[in-house]
Structures are given as structure tokens and as C-alpha cells.
Amino acid sequence: MMGGLEAALAEASSPSWTQRARAGRDLASFADVPEAAEVLVGLLLDVEDTAVTRQTAEALARMGTAAAVRLIALAVVEADGNQADWLQTGVHDALEGPDDVPDVAAACGKLARDQEETVRRGAAEISAWTNDTRC
């Protein structure tokens, strides 16, 4: 299992956006592993390709865990306007999927009590996005 993590961590720094996007998808299930978490935030804020941002955000939102959504929250606070739009699009992609919709709102609820103010701010923003999809 660790082999998958190592390979995905290596791919995350690839010059190819498709490989970085794949790394984001592959690493999403390791959101609670500190090394992976750090790399995932970097992929969410990918400066070269918005597809990496979008696909990583979608993969993390699909996980729907507090650990996964926390990384999106951290990224949201650091993101510029364009990146924030793609983070939001990625979250919406996950919520509009045909499969079971992940409970991102519940994860945001947990993160609203996080010790880090940055995480609480980001979670509030994601929470607002999830309300949008219900109208």
C-alpha cells in the first residue's frame, strides 16, 4: 500500500499536468498522512494547470472525510480568485456525481471547530459552496 503512496508522491512533482492530476486523485485517500497532506495542498494550488486543482479538489471532496476537506479548506484560504473558482468547481463535481454524494457539509461542520483559524475560515467558505448545490 505504501508503494502507491510513494509513487503518487513522486508523480506530484512531475512536469506533466496529467501526472500531477493523477497524483492528486491517487493521494486523496492518504489525506490524513502528513507527507501526502502537504503535497495535496500544493496540488490544490497548482500554479501551472487548473485541471490539477479541479481534479484534486474533486477527489478530496469525494473522500468526504474531515481530513480530506481540511486540505481543501487550507488551500481555499491561500488561493487566488482563479484557483478558488476551480477549487469550488472540483467540489461541485464531487457533489453532482451520480454516486453517493459525500457529506462535505458534515466535514465542514467538524472543521468549524478546528483549532486553526485558517481551517475554520476555509471550511466556512466550502460550506457556503455546498449550500449552493442544493438550490
C-alpha atoms as a PDB file:
ATOM      1  CA  MET A   1       0.000   0.000   0.000  1.00  0.00           C
ATOM      2  CA  MET A   2       2.844   2.353   0.856  1.00  0.00           C
ATOM      3  CA  GLY A   3       4.190   1.775  -2.672  1.00  0.00           C
ATOM      4  CA  GLY A   4       1.140   3.540  -4.086  1.00  0.00           C
ATOM      5  CA  LEU A   5       1.778   6.465  -1.766  1.00  0.00           C
ATOM      6  CA  GLU A   6       5.448   6.714  -2.747  1.00  0.00           C
ATOM      7  CA  ALA A   7       4.643   6.553  -6.453  1.00  0.00           C
ATOM      8  CA  ALA A   8       1.916   9.186  -6.165  1.00  0.00           C
ATOM      9  CA  LEU A   9       4.179  11.479  -4.138  1.00  0.00           C
ATOM     10  CA  ALA A  10       6.801  11.205  -6.880  1.00  0.00           C
ATOM     11  CA  GLU A  11       4.208  11.911  -9.585  1.00  0.00           C
ATOM     12  CA  ALA A  12       3.033  15.020  -7.771  1.00  0.00           C
ATOM     13  CA  SER A  13       6.165  16.875  -8.836  1.00  0.00           C
ATOM     14  CA  SER A  14       6.010  15.725 -12.461  1.00  0.00           C
ATOM     15  CA  PRO A  15       6.235  18.393 -15.168  1.00  0.00           C
ATOM     16  CA  SER A  16       3.205  16.728 -16.775  1.00  0.00           C
ATOM     17  CA  TRP A  17      -0.129  18.126 -15.586  1.00  0.00           C
ATOM     18  CA  THR A  18      -1.855  14.813 -16.310  1.00  0.00           C
ATOM     19  CA  GLN A  19       0.538  13.027 -13.971  1.00  0.00           C
ATOM     20  CA  ARG A  20       0.089  15.698 -11.284  1.00  0.00           C
ATOM     21  CA  ALA A  21      -3.688  15.403 -11.630  1.00  0.00           C
ATOM     22  CA  ARG A  22      -3.423  11.622 -11.301  1.00  0.00           C
ATOM     23  CA  ALA A  23      -1.239  12.070  -8.225  1.00  0.00           C
ATOM     24  CA  GLY A  24      -3.944  14.295  -6.724  1.00  0.00           C
ATOM     25  CA  ARG A  25      -6.559  11.597  -7.306  1.00  0.00           C
ATOM     26  CA  ASP A  26      -4.293   8.832  -6.003  1.00  0.00           C
ATOM     27  CA  LEU A  27      -3.194  10.766  -2.927  1.00  0.00           C
ATOM     28  CA  ALA A  28      -6.715  11.765  -1.869  1.00  0.00           C
ATOM     29  CA  SER A  29      -7.124   8.547   0.110  1.00  0.00           C
ATOM     30  CA  PHE A  30      -3.957   9.420   2.057  1.00  0.00           C
ATOM     31  CA  ALA A  31      -5.253  12.846   3.157  1.00  0.00           C
ATOM     32  CA  ASP A  32      -4.544  12.003   6.794  1.00  0.00           C
ATOM     33  CA  VAL A  33      -0.883  11.148   6.102  1.00  0.00           C
ATOM     34  CA  PRO A  34       1.180  14.310   6.805  1.00  0.00           C
ATOM     35  CA  GLU A  35       3.545  13.973   3.801  1.00  0.00           C
ATOM     36  CA  ALA A  36       0.627  13.383   1.459  1.00  0.00           C
ATOM     37  CA  ALA A  37      -1.380  16.224   3.013  1.00  0.00           C
ATOM     38  CA  GLU A  38       1.372  18.729   2.326  1.00  0.00           C
ATOM     39  CA  VAL A  39       1.721  17.579  -1.286  1.00  0.00           C
ATOM     40  CA  LEU A  40      -2.065  17.627  -1.788  1.00  0.00           C
ATOM     41  CA  VAL A  41      -2.312  21.264  -0.702  1.00  0.00           C
ATOM     42  CA  GLY A  42       0.426  22.010  -3.245  1.00  0.00           C
ATOM     43  CA  LEU A  43      -1.580  20.235  -5.957  1.00  0.00           C
ATOM     44  CA  LEU A  44      -4.748  22.097  -4.976  1.00  0.00           C
ATOM     45  CA  LEU A  45      -2.785  25.305  -5.537  1.00  0.00           C
ATOM     46  CA  ASP A  46      -1.052  24.084  -8.723  1.00  0.00           C
ATOM     47  CA  VAL A  47       0.196  27.233 -10.438  1.00  0.00           C
ATOM     48  CA  GLU A  48       0.527  25.755 -13.907  1.00  0.00           C
ATOM     49  CA  ASP A  49      -2.716  23.950 -14.562  1.00  0.00           C
ATOM     50  CA  THR A  50      -6.218  24.439 -13.206  1.00  0.00           C
ATOM     51  CA  ALA A  51      -7.131  20.852 -14.159  1.00  0.00           C
ATOM     52  CA  VAL A  52      -4.799  19.662 -11.390  1.00  0.00           C
ATOM     53  CA  THR A  53      -6.565  21.960  -8.909  1.00  0.00           C
ATOM     54  CA  ARG A  54     -10.012  20.838 -10.040  1.00  0.00           C
ATOM     55  CA  GLN A  55      -9.334  17.092 -10.108  1.00  0.00           C
ATOM     56  CA  THR A  56      -7.516  17.090  -6.774  1.00  0.00           C
ATOM     57  CA  ALA A  57     -10.337  19.072  -5.139  1.00  0.00           C
ATOM     58  CA  GLU A  58     -12.899  16.680  -6.601  1.00  0.00           C
ATOM     59  CA  ALA A  59     -11.009  13.607  -5.376  1.00  0.00           C
ATOM     60  CA  LEU A  60     -10.680  15.045  -1.867  1.00  0.00           C
ATOM     61  CA  ALA A  61     -14.315  16.142  -1.754  1.00  0.00           C
ATOM     62  CA  ARG A  62     -15.338  12.633  -2.851  1.00  0.00           C
ATOM     63  CA  MET A  63     -13.442  11.234   0.135  1.00  0.00           C
ATOM     64  CA  GLY A  64     -15.683  13.477   2.212  1.00  0.00           C
ATOM     65  CA  THR A  65     -13.617  12.990   5.366  1.00  0.00           C
ATOM     66  CA  ALA A  66     -12.704  15.851   7.666  1.00  0.00           C
ATOM     67  CA  ALA A  67      -9.015  15.181   6.873  1.00  0.00           C
ATOM     68  CA  ALA A  68      -9.651  15.481   3.128  1.00  0.00           C
ATOM     69  CA  VAL A  69     -11.922  18.517   3.284  1.00  0.00           C
ATOM     70  CA  ARG A  70      -9.490  20.198   5.699  1.00  0.00           C
ATOM     71  CA  LEU A  71      -6.883  20.280   2.910  1.00  0.00           C
ATOM     72  CA  ILE A  72      -9.322  21.980   0.548  1.00  0.00           C
ATOM     73  CA  ALA A  73     -10.071  24.473   3.346  1.00  0.00           C
ATOM     74  CA  LEU A  74      -6.377  25.241   3.773  1.00  0.00           C
ATOM     75  CA  ALA A  75      -5.999  25.732   0.025  1.00  0.00           C
ATOM     76  CA  VAL A  76      -9.068  27.965  -0.275  1.00  0.00           C
ATOM     77  CA  VAL A  77      -7.598  30.480   2.132  1.00  0.00           C
ATOM     78  CA  GLU A  78      -4.344  30.678   0.168  1.00  0.00           C
ATOM     79  CA  ALA A  79      -5.892  30.501  -3.297  1.00  0.00           C
ATOM     80  CA  ASP A  80      -6.161  33.442  -5.669  1.00  0.00           C
ATOM     81  CA  GLY A  81      -9.571  34.115  -7.229  1.00  0.00           C
ATOM     82  CA  ASN A  82      -8.999  31.888 -10.234  1.00  0.00           C
ATOM     83  CA  GLN A  83      -7.747  28.970  -8.119  1.00  0.00           C
ATOM     84  CA  ALA A  84     -10.667  29.402  -5.720  1.00  0.00           C
ATOM     85  CA  ASP A  85     -13.085  29.124  -8.645  1.00  0.00           C
ATOM     86  CA  TRP A  86     -11.510  25.828  -9.717  1.00  0.00           C
ATOM     87  CA  LEU A  87     -11.457  24.507  -6.153  1.00  0.00           C
ATOM     88  CA  GLN A  88     -15.170  25.271  -5.990  1.00  0.00           C
ATOM     89  CA  THR A  89     -15.761  23.604  -9.368  1.00  0.00           C
ATOM     90  CA  GLY A  90     -13.945  20.483  -8.158  1.00  0.00           C
ATOM     91  CA  VAL A  91     -16.071  20.322  -5.006  1.00  0.00           C
ATOM     92  CA  HIS A  92     -19.229  20.763  -7.085  1.00  0.00           C
ATOM     93  CA  ASP A  93     -18.065  17.990  -9.456  1.00  0.00           C
ATOM     94  CA  ALA A  94     -17.880  15.627  -6.477  1.00  0.00           C
ATOM     95  CA  LEU A  95     -21.279  16.675  -5.153  1.00  0.00           C
ATOM     96  CA  GLU A  96     -23.002  16.314  -8.503  1.00  0.00           C
ATOM     97  CA  GLY A  97     -21.697  12.840  -9.198  1.00  0.00           C
ATOM     98  CA  PRO A  98     -24.232  10.039  -9.725  1.00  0.00           C
ATOM     99  CA  ASP A  99     -22.771   8.033  -6.853  1.00  0.00           C
ATOM    100  CA  ASP A 100     -23.423   8.572  -3.192  1.00  0.00           C
ATOM    101  CA  VAL A 101     -22.807  12.207  -2.523  1.00  0.00           C
ATOM    102  CA  PRO A 102     -20.051  12.667   0.052  1.00  0.00           C
ATOM    103  CA  ASP A 103     -21.098  14.576   3.136  1.00  0.00           C
ATOM    104  CA  VAL A 104     -18.829  17.554   2.653  1.00  0.00           C
ATOM    105  CA  ALA A 105     -21.172  19.710   4.735  1.00  0.00           C
ATOM    106  CA  ALA A 106     -20.756  17.375   7.732  1.00  0.00           C
ATOM    107  CA  ALA A 107     -16.971  17.513   7.344  1.00  0.00           C
ATOM    108  CA  CYS A 108     -17.190  21.325   7.234  1.00  0.00           C
ATOM    109  CA  GLY A 109     -19.252  21.195  10.412  1.00  0.00           C
ATOM    110  CA  LYS A 110     -16.445  19.329  12.164  1.00  0.00           C
ATOM    111  CA  LEU A 111     -13.830  21.697  10.744  1.00  0.00           C
ATOM    112  CA  ALA A 112     -15.782  24.715  12.001  1.00  0.00           C
ATOM    113  CA  ARG A 113     -14.398  23.722  15.398  1.00  0.00           C
ATOM    114  CA  ASP A 114     -10.814  23.184  14.191  1.00  0.00           C
ATOM    115  CA  GLN A 115      -8.046  24.712  16.292  1.00  0.00           C
ATOM    116  CA  GLU A 116      -6.633  26.546  13.275  1.00  0.00           C
ATOM    117  CA  GLU A 117      -8.436  29.737  12.361  1.00  0.00           C
ATOM    118  CA  THR A 118      -7.362  29.288   8.719  1.00  0.00           C
ATOM    119  CA  VAL A 119      -9.110  25.923   8.558  1.00  0.00           C
ATOM    120  CA  ARG A 120     -12.281  27.360  10.112  1.00  0.00           C
ATOM    121  CA  ARG A 121     -12.321  30.175   7.525  1.00  0.00           C
ATOM    122  CA  GLY A 122     -11.774  27.815   4.612  1.00  0.00           C
ATOM    123  CA  ALA A 123     -14.405  25.399   5.911  1.00  0.00           C
ATOM    124  CA  ALA A 124     -16.938  28.231   6.145  1.00  0.00           C
ATOM    125  CA  GLU A 125     -16.275  29.054   2.503  1.00  0.00           C
ATOM    126  CA  ILE A 126     -16.646  25.428   1.356  1.00  0.00           C
ATOM    127  CA  SER A 127     -19.790  25.157   3.440  1.00  0.00           C
ATOM    128  CA  ALA A 128     -21.254  28.089   1.507  1.00  0.00           C
ATOM    129  CA  TRP A 129     -20.413  26.304  -1.765  1.00  0.00           C
ATOM    130  CA  THR A 130     -22.188  23.139  -0.672  1.00  0.00           C
ATOM    131  CA  ASN A 131     -25.330  25.122   0.096  1.00  0.00           C
ATOM    132  CA  ASP A 132     -25.280  26.445  -3.470  1.00  0.00           C
ATOM    133  CA  THR A 133     -25.691  22.954  -4.908  1.00  0.00           C
ATOM    134  CA  ARG A 134     -28.923  22.366  -3.051  1.00  0.00           C
ATOM    135  CA  CYS A 135     -30.981  25.216  -4.588  1.00  0.00           C
END
